[in-house]
N, C-alpha and C. Protein backbone atom coordinates (compact mmCIF):
# COMPACT_ATOMS: atom_id res chain seq x y z
N ILE A 1 3.57 -8.99 -24.37
CA ILE A 1 2.89 -10.11 -23.72
C ILE A 1 1.38 -9.90 -23.72
N ALA A 2 0.96 -8.69 -23.37
CA ALA A 2 -0.47 -8.39 -23.34
C ALA A 2 -0.67 -6.89 -23.23
N THR A 3 -1.86 -6.44 -23.50
CA THR A 3 -2.17 -5.02 -23.36
C THR A 3 -2.58 -4.76 -21.91
N TYR A 4 -2.54 -3.50 -21.52
CA TYR A 4 -2.97 -3.14 -20.17
C TYR A 4 -4.41 -3.59 -19.90
N PRO A 5 -5.36 -3.34 -20.83
CA PRO A 5 -6.74 -3.78 -20.56
C PRO A 5 -6.86 -5.29 -20.32
N GLU A 6 -6.01 -6.08 -21.01
CA GLU A 6 -6.06 -7.53 -20.82
C GLU A 6 -5.66 -7.91 -19.39
N PHE A 7 -4.57 -7.29 -18.93
CA PHE A 7 -4.12 -7.56 -17.57
C PHE A 7 -5.14 -7.04 -16.55
N GLU A 8 -5.70 -5.87 -16.83
CA GLU A 8 -6.66 -5.27 -15.90
C GLU A 8 -7.93 -6.12 -15.81
N ARG A 9 -8.33 -6.70 -16.93
CA ARG A 9 -9.52 -7.56 -16.92
C ARG A 9 -9.29 -8.76 -16.01
N LEU A 10 -8.13 -9.40 -16.15
CA LEU A 10 -7.80 -10.55 -15.30
C LEU A 10 -7.63 -10.13 -13.85
N ASN A 11 -7.06 -8.96 -13.64
CA ASN A 11 -6.83 -8.43 -12.31
C ASN A 11 -8.12 -8.29 -11.52
N ASN A 12 -9.24 -8.10 -12.23
CA ASN A 12 -10.53 -7.90 -11.59
C ASN A 12 -11.55 -9.01 -11.86
N ASP A 13 -11.07 -10.12 -12.40
CA ASP A 13 -11.95 -11.25 -12.72
C ASP A 13 -12.10 -12.14 -11.48
N PRO A 14 -13.28 -12.15 -10.85
CA PRO A 14 -13.47 -12.90 -9.60
C PRO A 14 -13.07 -14.37 -9.69
N ALA A 15 -13.44 -15.02 -10.77
CA ALA A 15 -13.13 -16.45 -10.93
C ALA A 15 -11.62 -16.67 -11.01
N PHE A 16 -10.94 -15.82 -11.78
CA PHE A 16 -9.49 -15.95 -11.95
C PHE A 16 -8.78 -15.64 -10.63
N ILE A 17 -9.23 -14.60 -9.94
CA ILE A 17 -8.62 -14.22 -8.66
C ILE A 17 -8.71 -15.37 -7.66
N THR A 18 -9.89 -15.95 -7.56
CA THR A 18 -10.09 -17.07 -6.62
C THR A 18 -9.24 -18.27 -7.02
N LYS A 19 -9.12 -18.50 -8.32
CA LYS A 19 -8.36 -19.65 -8.82
C LYS A 19 -6.89 -19.56 -8.42
N ILE A 20 -6.26 -18.37 -8.56
CA ILE A 20 -4.82 -18.30 -8.33
C ILE A 20 -4.43 -17.84 -6.93
N THR A 21 -5.36 -17.24 -6.18
CA THR A 21 -5.04 -16.86 -4.80
C THR A 21 -5.66 -17.82 -3.79
N GLY A 22 -6.70 -18.52 -4.22
CA GLY A 22 -7.39 -19.42 -3.31
C GLY A 22 -8.49 -18.76 -2.52
N HIS A 23 -8.70 -17.43 -2.77
CA HIS A 23 -9.70 -16.68 -2.01
C HIS A 23 -10.37 -15.64 -2.90
N PRO A 24 -11.61 -15.26 -2.60
CA PRO A 24 -12.35 -14.31 -3.45
C PRO A 24 -12.05 -12.84 -3.12
N TYR A 25 -10.83 -12.42 -3.39
CA TYR A 25 -10.46 -11.02 -3.14
C TYR A 25 -11.06 -10.12 -4.22
N ALA A 26 -11.10 -8.82 -3.93
CA ALA A 26 -11.69 -7.86 -4.87
C ALA A 26 -10.84 -7.68 -6.12
N SER A 27 -9.52 -7.80 -5.98
CA SER A 27 -8.62 -7.69 -7.14
C SER A 27 -7.30 -8.35 -6.77
N LEU A 28 -6.38 -8.40 -7.74
CA LEU A 28 -5.05 -8.95 -7.48
C LEU A 28 -4.09 -7.90 -6.96
N GLU A 29 -4.57 -6.67 -6.78
CA GLU A 29 -3.72 -5.62 -6.24
C GLU A 29 -3.17 -6.07 -4.89
N GLY A 30 -1.86 -5.99 -4.74
CA GLY A 30 -1.23 -6.43 -3.50
C GLY A 30 -0.59 -7.80 -3.61
N PHE A 31 -1.02 -8.62 -4.58
CA PHE A 31 -0.54 -9.99 -4.69
C PHE A 31 0.49 -10.18 -5.81
N LEU A 32 0.74 -9.15 -6.59
CA LEU A 32 1.65 -9.27 -7.74
C LEU A 32 3.05 -8.83 -7.29
N TYR A 33 3.80 -9.77 -6.78
CA TYR A 33 5.03 -9.42 -6.08
C TYR A 33 6.04 -8.70 -6.97
N PRO A 34 6.57 -7.55 -6.49
CA PRO A 34 7.55 -6.78 -7.27
C PRO A 34 8.91 -7.47 -7.28
N GLU A 35 9.27 -7.97 -8.41
CA GLU A 35 10.50 -8.75 -8.55
C GLU A 35 10.89 -8.73 -10.03
N THR A 36 12.08 -9.18 -10.34
CA THR A 36 12.49 -9.32 -11.74
C THR A 36 12.10 -10.71 -12.23
N TYR A 37 11.38 -10.76 -13.36
CA TYR A 37 10.88 -12.04 -13.88
C TYR A 37 11.36 -12.23 -15.32
N LYS A 38 11.51 -13.46 -15.71
CA LYS A 38 11.86 -13.78 -17.10
C LYS A 38 10.78 -14.69 -17.67
N PHE A 39 10.21 -14.27 -18.79
CA PHE A 39 9.15 -15.04 -19.43
C PHE A 39 9.46 -15.24 -20.90
N SER A 40 8.91 -16.29 -21.45
CA SER A 40 8.96 -16.50 -22.89
C SER A 40 8.09 -15.46 -23.57
N SER A 41 8.42 -15.10 -24.79
CA SER A 41 7.63 -14.12 -25.53
C SER A 41 6.24 -14.64 -25.87
N THR A 42 6.05 -15.95 -25.72
CA THR A 42 4.75 -16.54 -26.05
C THR A 42 3.89 -16.80 -24.81
N VAL A 43 4.35 -16.34 -23.65
CA VAL A 43 3.62 -16.59 -22.41
C VAL A 43 2.26 -15.90 -22.45
N THR A 44 1.29 -16.48 -21.78
CA THR A 44 -0.05 -15.90 -21.76
C THR A 44 -0.20 -14.96 -20.55
N PRO A 45 -1.08 -13.96 -20.64
CA PRO A 45 -1.27 -13.02 -19.54
C PRO A 45 -1.64 -13.70 -18.22
N ASP A 46 -2.50 -14.72 -18.28
CA ASP A 46 -2.90 -15.40 -17.04
C ASP A 46 -1.73 -16.13 -16.40
N SER A 47 -0.81 -16.64 -17.23
CA SER A 47 0.37 -17.33 -16.70
C SER A 47 1.32 -16.35 -16.01
N VAL A 48 1.42 -15.15 -16.57
CA VAL A 48 2.27 -14.12 -15.96
C VAL A 48 1.74 -13.76 -14.57
N LEU A 49 0.46 -13.47 -14.49
CA LEU A 49 -0.13 -13.08 -13.21
C LEU A 49 -0.06 -14.23 -12.20
N ALA A 50 -0.28 -15.43 -12.68
CA ALA A 50 -0.21 -16.59 -11.79
C ALA A 50 1.19 -16.74 -11.20
N GLU A 51 2.23 -16.46 -12.00
CA GLU A 51 3.60 -16.57 -11.52
C GLU A 51 3.91 -15.49 -10.48
N LEU A 52 3.43 -14.26 -10.70
CA LEU A 52 3.64 -13.18 -9.74
C LEU A 52 2.98 -13.49 -8.40
N VAL A 53 1.80 -14.06 -8.47
CA VAL A 53 1.09 -14.44 -7.23
C VAL A 53 1.80 -15.61 -6.55
N ARG A 54 2.31 -16.55 -7.33
CA ARG A 54 3.04 -17.69 -6.75
C ARG A 54 4.25 -17.21 -5.98
N VAL A 55 4.99 -16.27 -6.57
CA VAL A 55 6.18 -15.73 -5.90
C VAL A 55 5.78 -14.97 -4.64
N PHE A 56 4.65 -14.26 -4.70
CA PHE A 56 4.15 -13.55 -3.52
C PHE A 56 3.96 -14.52 -2.35
N TYR A 57 3.27 -15.62 -2.59
CA TYR A 57 3.03 -16.60 -1.54
C TYR A 57 4.34 -17.26 -1.09
N GLN A 58 5.26 -17.45 -2.02
CA GLN A 58 6.57 -18.02 -1.70
C GLN A 58 7.34 -17.10 -0.74
N LYS A 59 7.30 -15.81 -1.03
CA LYS A 59 7.98 -14.83 -0.18
C LYS A 59 7.37 -14.79 1.22
N LEU A 60 6.06 -14.99 1.30
CA LEU A 60 5.37 -14.93 2.59
C LEU A 60 5.72 -16.10 3.50
N ALA A 61 6.29 -17.14 2.92
CA ALA A 61 6.62 -18.34 3.71
C ALA A 61 7.56 -18.01 4.86
N ALA A 62 8.38 -16.96 4.68
CA ALA A 62 9.35 -16.58 5.71
C ALA A 62 8.79 -15.56 6.70
N VAL A 63 7.54 -15.17 6.50
CA VAL A 63 6.91 -14.15 7.35
C VAL A 63 5.78 -14.78 8.16
N LYS A 64 5.78 -14.54 9.45
CA LYS A 64 4.72 -15.05 10.31
C LYS A 64 3.52 -14.10 10.24
N MET A 65 2.66 -14.37 9.29
CA MET A 65 1.52 -13.52 9.01
C MET A 65 0.24 -14.34 9.16
N ALA A 66 -0.87 -13.68 9.42
CA ALA A 66 -2.15 -14.38 9.53
C ALA A 66 -2.42 -15.14 8.23
N ALA A 67 -3.20 -16.18 8.32
CA ALA A 67 -3.49 -17.02 7.15
C ALA A 67 -4.22 -16.24 6.08
N PRO A 68 -3.84 -16.46 4.81
CA PRO A 68 -4.57 -15.82 3.69
C PRO A 68 -6.06 -16.14 3.77
N GLY A 69 -6.85 -15.15 3.42
CA GLY A 69 -8.30 -15.33 3.47
C GLY A 69 -8.91 -14.73 4.71
N THR A 70 -8.08 -14.43 5.72
CA THR A 70 -8.59 -13.82 6.95
C THR A 70 -8.58 -12.30 6.83
N ASP A 71 -9.41 -11.64 7.64
CA ASP A 71 -9.44 -10.18 7.65
C ASP A 71 -8.10 -9.62 8.08
N SER A 72 -7.48 -10.25 9.06
CA SER A 72 -6.19 -9.78 9.56
C SER A 72 -5.12 -9.80 8.48
N PHE A 73 -5.11 -10.87 7.69
CA PHE A 73 -4.15 -10.97 6.58
C PHE A 73 -4.32 -9.83 5.60
N TYR A 74 -5.56 -9.59 5.19
CA TYR A 74 -5.81 -8.58 4.16
C TYR A 74 -5.57 -7.17 4.69
N ARG A 75 -5.91 -6.92 5.95
CA ARG A 75 -5.65 -5.61 6.55
C ARG A 75 -4.14 -5.34 6.62
N THR A 76 -3.38 -6.35 6.97
CA THR A 76 -1.92 -6.21 7.00
C THR A 76 -1.38 -5.90 5.61
N LEU A 77 -1.90 -6.60 4.62
CA LEU A 77 -1.46 -6.39 3.24
C LEU A 77 -1.79 -4.97 2.76
N ILE A 78 -2.98 -4.49 3.10
CA ILE A 78 -3.38 -3.13 2.70
C ILE A 78 -2.47 -2.09 3.35
N LEU A 79 -2.25 -2.22 4.66
CA LEU A 79 -1.41 -1.24 5.35
C LEU A 79 0.03 -1.32 4.86
N ALA A 80 0.51 -2.53 4.59
CA ALA A 80 1.87 -2.69 4.07
C ALA A 80 2.03 -2.01 2.71
N SER A 81 0.97 -2.01 1.91
CA SER A 81 1.04 -1.35 0.61
C SER A 81 1.17 0.16 0.77
N ILE A 82 0.54 0.71 1.80
CA ILE A 82 0.66 2.15 2.06
C ILE A 82 2.07 2.48 2.54
N VAL A 83 2.60 1.65 3.44
CA VAL A 83 3.97 1.82 3.93
C VAL A 83 4.95 1.75 2.76
N GLU A 84 4.73 0.80 1.87
CA GLU A 84 5.60 0.63 0.69
C GLU A 84 5.68 1.91 -0.13
N ASN A 85 4.54 2.57 -0.32
CA ASN A 85 4.50 3.78 -1.14
C ASN A 85 4.98 5.02 -0.39
N GLU A 86 4.91 4.99 0.92
CA GLU A 86 5.34 6.14 1.72
C GLU A 86 6.86 6.17 1.94
N ALA A 87 7.44 5.00 2.10
CA ALA A 87 8.85 4.92 2.50
C ALA A 87 9.79 4.99 1.30
N VAL A 88 10.85 5.75 1.47
CA VAL A 88 11.92 5.79 0.48
C VAL A 88 13.12 5.01 1.02
N VAL A 89 13.44 5.24 2.29
CA VAL A 89 14.55 4.51 2.91
C VAL A 89 14.00 3.36 3.76
N GLN A 90 14.68 2.24 3.69
CA GLN A 90 14.22 1.01 4.33
C GLN A 90 14.03 1.18 5.84
N LYS A 91 14.95 1.88 6.48
CA LYS A 91 14.93 1.96 7.95
C LYS A 91 13.71 2.70 8.49
N GLU A 92 13.02 3.47 7.64
CA GLU A 92 11.86 4.22 8.11
C GLU A 92 10.55 3.42 8.03
N LYS A 93 10.57 2.28 7.39
CA LYS A 93 9.33 1.51 7.22
C LYS A 93 8.65 1.17 8.56
N PRO A 94 9.40 0.64 9.55
CA PRO A 94 8.73 0.33 10.84
C PRO A 94 8.20 1.58 11.54
N ILE A 95 8.85 2.72 11.34
CA ILE A 95 8.39 3.97 11.96
C ILE A 95 7.11 4.44 11.29
N ILE A 96 7.10 4.41 9.96
CA ILE A 96 5.89 4.81 9.23
C ILE A 96 4.73 3.89 9.58
N ALA A 97 5.01 2.60 9.68
CA ALA A 97 3.96 1.64 10.06
C ALA A 97 3.41 1.99 11.44
N SER A 98 4.29 2.40 12.35
CA SER A 98 3.84 2.74 13.71
C SER A 98 2.92 3.96 13.68
N VAL A 99 3.22 4.94 12.82
CA VAL A 99 2.37 6.13 12.71
C VAL A 99 0.95 5.73 12.32
N TYR A 100 0.83 4.92 11.30
CA TYR A 100 -0.50 4.54 10.81
C TYR A 100 -1.24 3.65 11.81
N LEU A 101 -0.53 2.77 12.47
CA LEU A 101 -1.16 1.93 13.48
C LEU A 101 -1.61 2.79 14.67
N ASN A 102 -0.79 3.78 15.04
CA ASN A 102 -1.17 4.69 16.13
C ASN A 102 -2.41 5.48 15.76
N ARG A 103 -2.48 5.91 14.50
CA ARG A 103 -3.64 6.68 14.06
C ARG A 103 -4.90 5.79 14.05
N LEU A 104 -4.77 4.58 13.56
CA LEU A 104 -5.91 3.65 13.55
C LEU A 104 -6.39 3.37 14.97
N ASN A 105 -5.44 3.17 15.88
CA ASN A 105 -5.79 2.87 17.27
C ASN A 105 -6.40 4.08 17.97
N SER A 106 -6.14 5.29 17.43
CA SER A 106 -6.69 6.52 18.01
C SER A 106 -7.94 6.98 17.27
N SER A 107 -8.45 6.14 16.37
CA SER A 107 -9.64 6.45 15.56
C SER A 107 -9.45 7.72 14.73
N MET A 108 -8.22 7.93 14.27
CA MET A 108 -7.91 9.05 13.40
C MET A 108 -7.90 8.57 11.95
N ARG A 109 -8.22 9.45 11.02
CA ARG A 109 -8.09 9.10 9.60
C ARG A 109 -6.60 8.97 9.26
N LEU A 110 -6.30 8.08 8.33
CA LEU A 110 -4.90 7.85 7.95
C LEU A 110 -4.27 9.07 7.28
N GLU A 111 -5.05 9.77 6.45
CA GLU A 111 -4.56 10.95 5.73
C GLU A 111 -3.25 10.64 5.00
N SER A 112 -3.30 9.60 4.20
CA SER A 112 -2.14 9.14 3.44
C SER A 112 -2.21 9.62 2.00
N CYS A 113 -1.21 10.37 1.58
CA CYS A 113 -1.18 10.89 0.21
C CYS A 113 -1.17 9.78 -0.85
N PRO A 114 -0.40 8.67 -0.65
CA PRO A 114 -0.39 7.62 -1.67
C PRO A 114 -1.76 7.02 -1.96
N THR A 115 -2.66 7.00 -0.98
CA THR A 115 -3.99 6.44 -1.26
C THR A 115 -4.75 7.35 -2.22
N VAL A 116 -4.56 8.66 -2.09
CA VAL A 116 -5.19 9.60 -3.02
C VAL A 116 -4.52 9.50 -4.38
N GLY A 117 -3.20 9.35 -4.37
CA GLY A 117 -2.48 9.18 -5.63
C GLY A 117 -2.96 7.95 -6.38
N TYR A 118 -3.28 6.89 -5.63
CA TYR A 118 -3.78 5.65 -6.25
C TYR A 118 -5.12 5.88 -6.94
N LEU A 119 -6.03 6.57 -6.27
CA LEU A 119 -7.34 6.78 -6.90
C LEU A 119 -7.21 7.68 -8.12
N LEU A 120 -6.25 8.61 -8.09
CA LEU A 120 -6.02 9.46 -9.26
C LEU A 120 -5.45 8.64 -10.41
N GLU A 121 -4.49 7.74 -10.10
CA GLU A 121 -3.90 6.89 -11.13
C GLU A 121 -4.98 6.03 -11.80
N LYS A 122 -5.94 5.56 -11.00
CA LYS A 122 -7.03 4.77 -11.55
C LYS A 122 -7.87 5.59 -12.53
N ARG A 123 -7.81 6.90 -12.41
CA ARG A 123 -8.52 7.80 -13.33
C ARG A 123 -7.62 8.34 -14.43
N GLY A 124 -6.41 7.79 -14.50
CA GLY A 124 -5.48 8.20 -15.55
C GLY A 124 -4.77 9.50 -15.26
N ILE A 125 -4.72 9.91 -13.99
CA ILE A 125 -4.09 11.18 -13.60
C ILE A 125 -2.86 10.89 -12.76
N HIS A 126 -1.72 11.44 -13.15
CA HIS A 126 -0.50 11.29 -12.35
C HIS A 126 0.01 12.67 -11.97
N ARG A 127 0.24 12.86 -10.67
CA ARG A 127 0.81 14.13 -10.19
C ARG A 127 2.04 13.84 -9.35
N GLU A 128 3.05 14.68 -9.49
CA GLU A 128 4.23 14.56 -8.63
C GLU A 128 3.86 14.98 -7.21
N TYR A 129 3.03 16.02 -7.13
CA TYR A 129 2.54 16.48 -5.83
C TYR A 129 1.02 16.64 -5.91
N LEU A 130 0.33 16.23 -4.86
CA LEU A 130 -1.13 16.35 -4.84
C LEU A 130 -1.56 17.80 -4.70
N LEU A 131 -2.76 18.08 -5.19
CA LEU A 131 -3.36 19.39 -5.03
C LEU A 131 -4.38 19.31 -3.90
N TYR A 132 -4.68 20.46 -3.28
CA TYR A 132 -5.65 20.47 -2.19
C TYR A 132 -7.01 19.93 -2.66
N LYS A 133 -7.37 20.23 -3.91
CA LYS A 133 -8.67 19.75 -4.41
C LYS A 133 -8.71 18.23 -4.52
N ASP A 134 -7.53 17.60 -4.69
CA ASP A 134 -7.48 16.13 -4.76
C ASP A 134 -7.91 15.50 -3.43
N LEU A 135 -7.63 16.20 -2.34
CA LEU A 135 -7.93 15.67 -1.01
C LEU A 135 -9.41 15.71 -0.69
N GLU A 136 -10.19 16.31 -1.60
CA GLU A 136 -11.64 16.43 -1.39
C GLU A 136 -12.44 15.47 -2.27
N ILE A 137 -11.74 14.64 -3.06
CA ILE A 137 -12.43 13.69 -3.96
C ILE A 137 -13.13 12.63 -3.12
N PRO A 138 -14.45 12.46 -3.30
CA PRO A 138 -15.16 11.43 -2.54
C PRO A 138 -14.80 10.03 -3.05
N SER A 139 -14.15 9.26 -2.21
CA SER A 139 -13.75 7.91 -2.59
C SER A 139 -13.32 7.16 -1.34
N PRO A 140 -13.61 5.86 -1.25
CA PRO A 140 -13.12 5.09 -0.10
C PRO A 140 -11.59 5.01 -0.07
N TYR A 141 -10.94 5.37 -1.20
CA TYR A 141 -9.48 5.40 -1.23
C TYR A 141 -8.91 6.72 -0.74
N ASN A 142 -9.77 7.72 -0.58
CA ASN A 142 -9.31 9.01 -0.09
C ASN A 142 -9.31 8.97 1.44
N THR A 143 -8.16 8.64 2.01
CA THR A 143 -8.08 8.47 3.47
C THR A 143 -8.03 9.80 4.21
N TYR A 144 -8.14 10.90 3.47
CA TYR A 144 -8.28 12.21 4.12
C TYR A 144 -9.72 12.45 4.55
N ILE A 145 -10.65 11.76 3.87
CA ILE A 145 -12.06 11.95 4.23
C ILE A 145 -12.74 10.63 4.63
N SER A 146 -12.14 9.50 4.27
CA SER A 146 -12.72 8.20 4.62
C SER A 146 -11.94 7.58 5.78
N ALA A 147 -12.67 7.08 6.76
CA ALA A 147 -12.04 6.49 7.94
C ALA A 147 -11.51 5.09 7.63
N GLY A 148 -10.53 4.67 8.40
CA GLY A 148 -10.00 3.32 8.27
C GLY A 148 -9.12 3.11 7.05
N LEU A 149 -8.92 1.86 6.72
CA LEU A 149 -8.08 1.48 5.58
C LEU A 149 -8.85 1.59 4.28
N PRO A 150 -8.17 1.79 3.16
CA PRO A 150 -8.85 1.72 1.86
C PRO A 150 -9.33 0.29 1.62
N PRO A 151 -10.23 0.08 0.66
CA PRO A 151 -10.82 -1.26 0.46
C PRO A 151 -9.86 -2.33 -0.06
N THR A 152 -8.80 -1.92 -0.75
CA THR A 152 -7.82 -2.87 -1.27
C THR A 152 -6.42 -2.30 -1.09
N PRO A 153 -5.38 -3.13 -1.27
CA PRO A 153 -4.03 -2.58 -1.31
C PRO A 153 -3.90 -1.55 -2.43
N ILE A 154 -2.94 -0.65 -2.32
CA ILE A 154 -2.73 0.37 -3.36
C ILE A 154 -1.49 0.07 -4.18
N CYS A 155 -0.80 -1.01 -3.86
CA CYS A 155 0.33 -1.51 -4.65
C CYS A 155 0.64 -2.89 -4.11
N SER A 156 1.63 -3.54 -4.67
CA SER A 156 2.05 -4.83 -4.16
C SER A 156 3.29 -4.63 -3.29
N PRO A 157 3.16 -4.75 -1.97
CA PRO A 157 4.28 -4.46 -1.08
C PRO A 157 5.34 -5.55 -1.07
N THR A 158 6.55 -5.14 -0.75
CA THR A 158 7.64 -6.10 -0.57
C THR A 158 7.52 -6.70 0.83
N VAL A 159 8.25 -7.77 1.05
CA VAL A 159 8.22 -8.44 2.35
C VAL A 159 8.64 -7.50 3.47
N SER A 160 9.59 -6.61 3.22
CA SER A 160 10.06 -5.70 4.27
C SER A 160 8.95 -4.77 4.75
N SER A 161 8.05 -4.38 3.87
CA SER A 161 6.93 -3.53 4.27
C SER A 161 5.92 -4.31 5.09
N ILE A 162 5.71 -5.58 4.71
CA ILE A 162 4.81 -6.44 5.48
C ILE A 162 5.37 -6.66 6.87
N GLU A 163 6.68 -6.92 6.96
CA GLU A 163 7.31 -7.12 8.26
C GLU A 163 7.26 -5.86 9.11
N ALA A 164 7.32 -4.69 8.47
CA ALA A 164 7.24 -3.42 9.21
C ALA A 164 5.89 -3.27 9.89
N VAL A 165 4.84 -3.73 9.22
CA VAL A 165 3.49 -3.66 9.80
C VAL A 165 3.34 -4.69 10.91
N LEU A 166 3.92 -5.86 10.72
CA LEU A 166 3.84 -6.91 11.73
C LEU A 166 4.71 -6.59 12.95
N HIS A 167 5.81 -5.85 12.72
CA HIS A 167 6.75 -5.51 13.80
C HIS A 167 7.08 -4.03 13.73
N PRO A 168 6.11 -3.17 14.01
CA PRO A 168 6.35 -1.73 13.91
C PRO A 168 7.28 -1.21 15.01
N ALA A 169 7.85 -0.05 14.79
CA ALA A 169 8.66 0.59 15.83
C ALA A 169 7.74 1.01 16.98
N ALA A 170 8.29 1.09 18.16
CA ALA A 170 7.52 1.53 19.33
C ALA A 170 7.61 3.05 19.43
N THR A 171 6.63 3.74 18.88
CA THR A 171 6.62 5.20 18.90
C THR A 171 5.24 5.70 19.30
N LYS A 172 5.18 7.00 19.55
CA LYS A 172 3.90 7.68 19.79
C LYS A 172 3.60 8.65 18.65
N TYR A 173 4.34 8.49 17.55
CA TYR A 173 4.18 9.40 16.41
C TYR A 173 2.78 9.28 15.80
N LEU A 174 2.23 10.43 15.45
CA LEU A 174 0.94 10.48 14.77
C LEU A 174 1.00 11.26 13.46
N PHE A 175 2.12 11.94 13.24
CA PHE A 175 2.24 12.80 12.06
C PHE A 175 3.64 12.68 11.47
N PHE A 176 3.73 12.89 10.15
CA PHE A 176 5.04 13.01 9.51
C PHE A 176 4.88 13.70 8.16
N PHE A 177 5.97 14.25 7.69
CA PHE A 177 5.98 14.84 6.35
C PHE A 177 7.34 14.59 5.72
N ALA A 178 7.37 14.58 4.39
CA ALA A 178 8.60 14.28 3.65
C ALA A 178 9.51 15.50 3.58
N ASP A 179 10.82 15.26 3.66
CA ASP A 179 11.77 16.37 3.55
C ASP A 179 12.25 16.56 2.11
N ARG A 180 11.62 15.84 1.17
CA ARG A 180 11.94 15.91 -0.27
C ARG A 180 13.34 15.39 -0.59
N LYS A 181 14.00 14.76 0.38
CA LYS A 181 15.33 14.20 0.16
C LYS A 181 15.34 12.70 0.44
N GLY A 182 14.14 12.13 0.60
CA GLY A 182 14.05 10.69 0.82
C GLY A 182 13.76 10.29 2.25
N ASN A 183 13.74 11.28 3.16
CA ASN A 183 13.45 10.98 4.55
C ASN A 183 12.15 11.65 4.99
N ASN A 184 11.69 11.29 6.18
CA ASN A 184 10.49 11.90 6.74
C ASN A 184 10.80 12.48 8.12
N ILE A 185 10.01 13.48 8.49
CA ILE A 185 10.17 14.13 9.79
C ILE A 185 8.91 13.82 10.59
N PHE A 186 9.09 13.21 11.76
CA PHE A 186 7.98 12.67 12.55
C PHE A 186 7.67 13.53 13.78
N SER A 187 6.39 13.50 14.19
CA SER A 187 5.96 14.26 15.36
C SER A 187 4.90 13.48 16.14
N ASN A 188 4.84 13.78 17.44
CA ASN A 188 3.83 13.16 18.30
C ASN A 188 2.50 13.89 18.25
N THR A 189 2.56 15.22 18.11
CA THR A 189 1.35 16.03 18.16
C THR A 189 1.23 16.90 16.91
N TYR A 190 0.02 17.39 16.68
CA TYR A 190 -0.22 18.24 15.51
C TYR A 190 0.51 19.57 15.63
N SER A 191 0.54 20.14 16.83
CA SER A 191 1.24 21.41 17.02
C SER A 191 2.74 21.25 16.76
N GLU A 192 3.29 20.13 17.21
CA GLU A 192 4.70 19.84 16.96
C GLU A 192 4.94 19.66 15.46
N HIS A 193 4.01 18.98 14.81
CA HIS A 193 4.07 18.76 13.37
C HIS A 193 4.10 20.08 12.60
N LEU A 194 3.21 21.00 12.97
CA LEU A 194 3.15 22.31 12.31
C LEU A 194 4.43 23.10 12.56
N GLN A 195 4.94 23.03 13.78
CA GLN A 195 6.16 23.76 14.11
C GLN A 195 7.34 23.25 13.30
N LYS A 196 7.44 21.95 13.16
CA LYS A 196 8.55 21.35 12.40
C LYS A 196 8.41 21.70 10.91
N GLN A 197 7.18 21.73 10.40
CA GLN A 197 6.98 22.14 9.01
C GLN A 197 7.42 23.58 8.79
N LYS A 198 7.08 24.43 9.76
CA LYS A 198 7.47 25.84 9.68
C LYS A 198 8.98 25.99 9.69
N GLN A 199 9.63 25.27 10.57
CA GLN A 199 11.09 25.31 10.65
C GLN A 199 11.74 24.77 9.38
N PHE A 200 11.13 23.71 8.82
CA PHE A 200 11.67 23.10 7.61
C PHE A 200 11.61 24.05 6.44
N ARG A 201 10.48 24.78 6.32
CA ARG A 201 10.34 25.74 5.22
C ARG A 201 11.34 26.88 5.34
């Protein structure tokens, strides 16, 4: 259908973004809904992206979310993209969302590995596990050193991730780590977090 550079050019074209989303977002990241699509072999790249965005807005019709174009809408979309990349099992999405919202409300950095993975992917680097040196890369996407949310979504979240952010679990969790089996282990405090990591090892 098209080369990666062709899609990437459209993904970052201000005029095209405004045309198909209705708003001047920085990129189409977050708006290309993950779904199975069928296209003709002669379809154009702009038509493909327009269809993915159309389905995104269609899916949102069932979600009570702030109006597109507002700061609240975009912040929800960004956080939902982080939840999407963090969660393996569906039931943990509202819990993971609660952790990040608790951290934001406590003026803590998110310290989300997927945001660092995203900035590495943008540089053509893919790692199964991050290195300590990766956490020191200066970038607004490195939430280990930059406060608040990254500037854009880091993937296109599903509706369930958006709903998790809109309706998070009621927890006091501030920390979690993966058990490498698809689940996460959550803690209220850093000392509890370290103790659980020690026990897990």
